[in-house]
């Protein structure tokens, strides 16, 4: 099971010539856990995303968007009406955001 988040962090890590064994301790996890996150088998905690963004020298929002997208996908992937449900949710989010302004 691949994840957009996992693929992106692997790409960023490899671009910087960082090894799993270098990054994992900075996130207070072992290399096996980080490897599973990159493969999409395990999820990283949301609170760890800003730390990871700093380590990988990337925008926190970029990683957060991919993490959220993977979360949504995991919830709706087997649902026949997934696209329609996500459209309804998007309308609700937009409505709430307009009220906040």
C-alpha atoms as a PDB file:
ATOM      1  CA  UNK A   1       0.000   0.000   0.000  1.00  0.00           C
ATOM      2  CA  UNK A   2       1.703   3.192  -1.184  1.00  0.00           C
ATOM      3  CA  UNK A   3       1.021   6.575   0.278  1.00  0.00           C
ATOM      4  CA  UNK A   4       1.639   9.947  -1.272  1.00  0.00           C
ATOM      5  CA  UNK A   5       3.037  11.131   2.035  1.00  0.00           C
ATOM      6  CA  UNK A   6       5.420   8.192   2.344  1.00  0.00           C
ATOM      7  CA  UNK A   7       6.644   8.490  -1.229  1.00  0.00           C
ATOM      8  CA  UNK A   8       7.280  12.213  -0.806  1.00  0.00           C
ATOM      9  CA  UNK A   9       9.248  11.915   2.413  1.00  0.00           C
ATOM     10  CA  UNK A  10      11.355   9.104   0.937  1.00  0.00           C
ATOM     11  CA  UNK A  11      12.109  11.264  -2.104  1.00  0.00           C
ATOM     12  CA  UNK A  12      13.047  14.245   0.058  1.00  0.00           C
ATOM     13  CA  UNK A  13      15.163  12.110   2.388  1.00  0.00           C
ATOM     14  CA  UNK A  14      17.038  10.470  -0.471  1.00  0.00           C
ATOM     15  CA  UNK A  15      17.581  13.825  -2.218  1.00  0.00           C
ATOM     16  CA  UNK A  16      19.427  14.990   0.874  1.00  0.00           C
ATOM     17  CA  UNK A  17      21.397  11.743   1.090  1.00  0.00           C
ATOM     18  CA  UNK A  18      19.918  11.008   4.511  1.00  0.00           C
ATOM     19  CA  UNK A  19      19.561   7.460   5.764  1.00  0.00           C
ATOM     20  CA  UNK A  20      16.604   6.097   7.682  1.00  0.00           C
ATOM     21  CA  UNK A  21      18.955   5.566  10.609  1.00  0.00           C
ATOM     22  CA  UNK A  22      19.773   9.300  10.625  1.00  0.00           C
ATOM     23  CA  UNK A  23      16.188  10.582  10.428  1.00  0.00           C
ATOM     24  CA  UNK A  24      14.346   8.075  12.624  1.00  0.00           C
ATOM     25  CA  UNK A  25      15.981   9.044  15.964  1.00  0.00           C
ATOM     26  CA  UNK A  26      15.135  12.704  15.329  1.00  0.00           C
ATOM     27  CA  UNK A  27      11.486  11.625  15.240  1.00  0.00           C
ATOM     28  CA  UNK A  28      11.928   9.432  18.320  1.00  0.00           C
ATOM     29  CA  UNK A  29      11.289   6.207  16.416  1.00  0.00           C
ATOM     30  CA  UNK A  30      13.328   3.346  15.065  1.00  0.00           C
ATOM     31  CA  UNK A  31      14.294   2.838  11.452  1.00  0.00           C
ATOM     32  CA  UNK A  32      11.723   0.066  10.957  1.00  0.00           C
ATOM     33  CA  UNK A  33       8.899   2.428  11.930  1.00  0.00           C
ATOM     34  CA  UNK A  34      10.090   5.135   9.550  1.00  0.00           C
ATOM     35  CA  UNK A  35      10.488   2.586   6.765  1.00  0.00           C
ATOM     36  CA  UNK A  36       6.873   1.465   7.296  1.00  0.00           C
ATOM     37  CA  UNK A  37       5.721   5.093   7.146  1.00  0.00           C
ATOM     38  CA  UNK A  38       7.535   5.577   3.845  1.00  0.00           C
ATOM     39  CA  UNK A  39       5.929   2.397   2.486  1.00  0.00           C
ATOM     40  CA  UNK A  40       2.461   3.510   3.617  1.00  0.00           C
ATOM     41  CA  UNK A  41       2.052   0.601   6.028  1.00  0.00           C
ATOM     42  CA  UNK A  42       2.028   2.837   9.082  1.00  0.00           C
ATOM     43  CA  UNK A  43       0.965   6.436   9.735  1.00  0.00           C
ATOM     44  CA  UNK A  44       3.113   9.122  11.290  1.00  0.00           C
ATOM     45  CA  UNK A  45       1.607  11.153  14.123  1.00  0.00           C
ATOM     46  CA  UNK A  46       0.365  14.550  13.018  1.00  0.00           C
ATOM     47  CA  UNK A  47       2.482  16.193  15.729  1.00  0.00           C
ATOM     48  CA  UNK A  48       5.634  14.786  14.106  1.00  0.00           C
ATOM     49  CA  UNK A  49       5.014  16.427  10.729  1.00  0.00           C
ATOM     50  CA  UNK A  50       6.552  19.846  11.606  1.00  0.00           C
ATOM     51  CA  UNK A  51       9.663  18.094  12.935  1.00  0.00           C
ATOM     52  CA  UNK A  52       9.927  16.017   9.773  1.00  0.00           C
ATOM     53  CA  UNK A  53       9.438  19.108   7.603  1.00  0.00           C
ATOM     54  CA  UNK A  54      12.352  20.796   9.366  1.00  0.00           C
ATOM     55  CA  UNK A  55      14.563  17.719   8.970  1.00  0.00           C
ATOM     56  CA  UNK A  56      13.729  17.399   5.278  1.00  0.00           C
ATOM     57  CA  UNK A  57      13.857  21.167   4.647  1.00  0.00           C
ATOM     58  CA  UNK A  58      10.391  21.358   3.166  1.00  0.00           C
ATOM     59  CA  UNK A  59       7.141  23.155   3.889  1.00  0.00           C
ATOM     60  CA  UNK A  60       5.084  21.753   6.740  1.00  0.00           C
ATOM     61  CA  UNK A  61       1.876  22.418   4.787  1.00  0.00           C
ATOM     62  CA  UNK A  62       3.065  20.307   1.853  1.00  0.00           C
ATOM     63  CA  UNK A  63       3.545  17.291   4.108  1.00  0.00           C
ATOM     64  CA  UNK A  64       0.352  17.972   6.051  1.00  0.00           C
ATOM     65  CA  UNK A  65      -1.711  18.087   2.846  1.00  0.00           C
ATOM     66  CA  UNK A  66      -0.319  14.753   1.680  1.00  0.00           C
ATOM     67  CA  UNK A  67      -0.823  13.240   5.149  1.00  0.00           C
ATOM     68  CA  UNK A  68      -4.445  14.409   5.241  1.00  0.00           C
ATOM     69  CA  UNK A  69      -5.059  13.147   1.694  1.00  0.00           C
ATOM     70  CA  UNK A  70      -3.795   9.717   2.713  1.00  0.00           C
ATOM     71  CA  UNK A  71      -6.040   9.781   5.789  1.00  0.00           C
ATOM     72  CA  UNK A  72      -9.089  10.606   3.667  1.00  0.00           C
ATOM     73  CA  UNK A  73      -8.211   7.947   1.139  1.00  0.00           C
ATOM     74  CA  UNK A  74      -7.898   5.296   3.831  1.00  0.00           C
ATOM     75  CA  UNK A  75     -11.392   6.117   5.092  1.00  0.00           C
ATOM     76  CA  UNK A  76     -13.215   6.181   1.740  1.00  0.00           C
ATOM     77  CA  UNK A  77     -11.167   3.957  -0.602  1.00  0.00           C
ATOM     78  CA  UNK A  78     -13.651   1.078  -0.594  1.00  0.00           C
ATOM     79  CA  UNK A  79     -16.797   3.187  -0.665  1.00  0.00           C
ATOM     80  CA  UNK A  80     -18.861   3.262  -3.844  1.00  0.00           C
ATOM     81  CA  UNK A  81     -19.958   6.845  -3.185  1.00  0.00           C
ATOM     82  CA  UNK A  82     -16.562   8.130  -2.036  1.00  0.00           C
ATOM     83  CA  UNK A  83     -16.254  10.892  -4.637  1.00  0.00           C
ATOM     84  CA  UNK A  84     -19.735  12.224  -3.968  1.00  0.00           C
ATOM     85  CA  UNK A  85     -19.199  12.126  -0.209  1.00  0.00           C
ATOM     86  CA  UNK A  86     -15.922  14.022  -0.544  1.00  0.00           C
ATOM     87  CA  UNK A  87     -17.647  16.649  -2.681  1.00  0.00           C
ATOM     88  CA  UNK A  88     -20.280  17.151   0.032  1.00  0.00           C
ATOM     89  CA  UNK A  89     -17.545  17.415   2.648  1.00  0.00           C
ATOM     90  CA  UNK A  90     -15.675  19.947   0.491  1.00  0.00           C
ATOM     91  CA  UNK A  91     -18.799  22.119   0.234  1.00  0.00           C
ATOM     92  CA  UNK A  92     -19.216  22.001   4.002  1.00  0.00           C
ATOM     93  CA  UNK A  93     -15.570  22.939   4.577  1.00  0.00           C
ATOM     94  CA  UNK A  94     -15.859  25.847   2.126  1.00  0.00           C
ATOM     95  CA  UNK A  95     -19.022  27.062   3.835  1.00  0.00           C
ATOM     96  CA  UNK A  96     -17.398  26.962   7.267  1.00  0.00           C
ATOM     97  CA  UNK A  97     -14.299  28.753   5.967  1.00  0.00           C
ATOM     98  CA  UNK A  98     -16.435  31.532   4.439  1.00  0.00           C
ATOM     99  CA  UNK A  99     -18.203  32.039   7.764  1.00  0.00           C
ATOM    100  CA  UNK A 100     -14.848  32.407   9.512  1.00  0.00           C
ATOM    101  CA  UNK A 101     -13.837  35.332   7.260  1.00  0.00           C
END
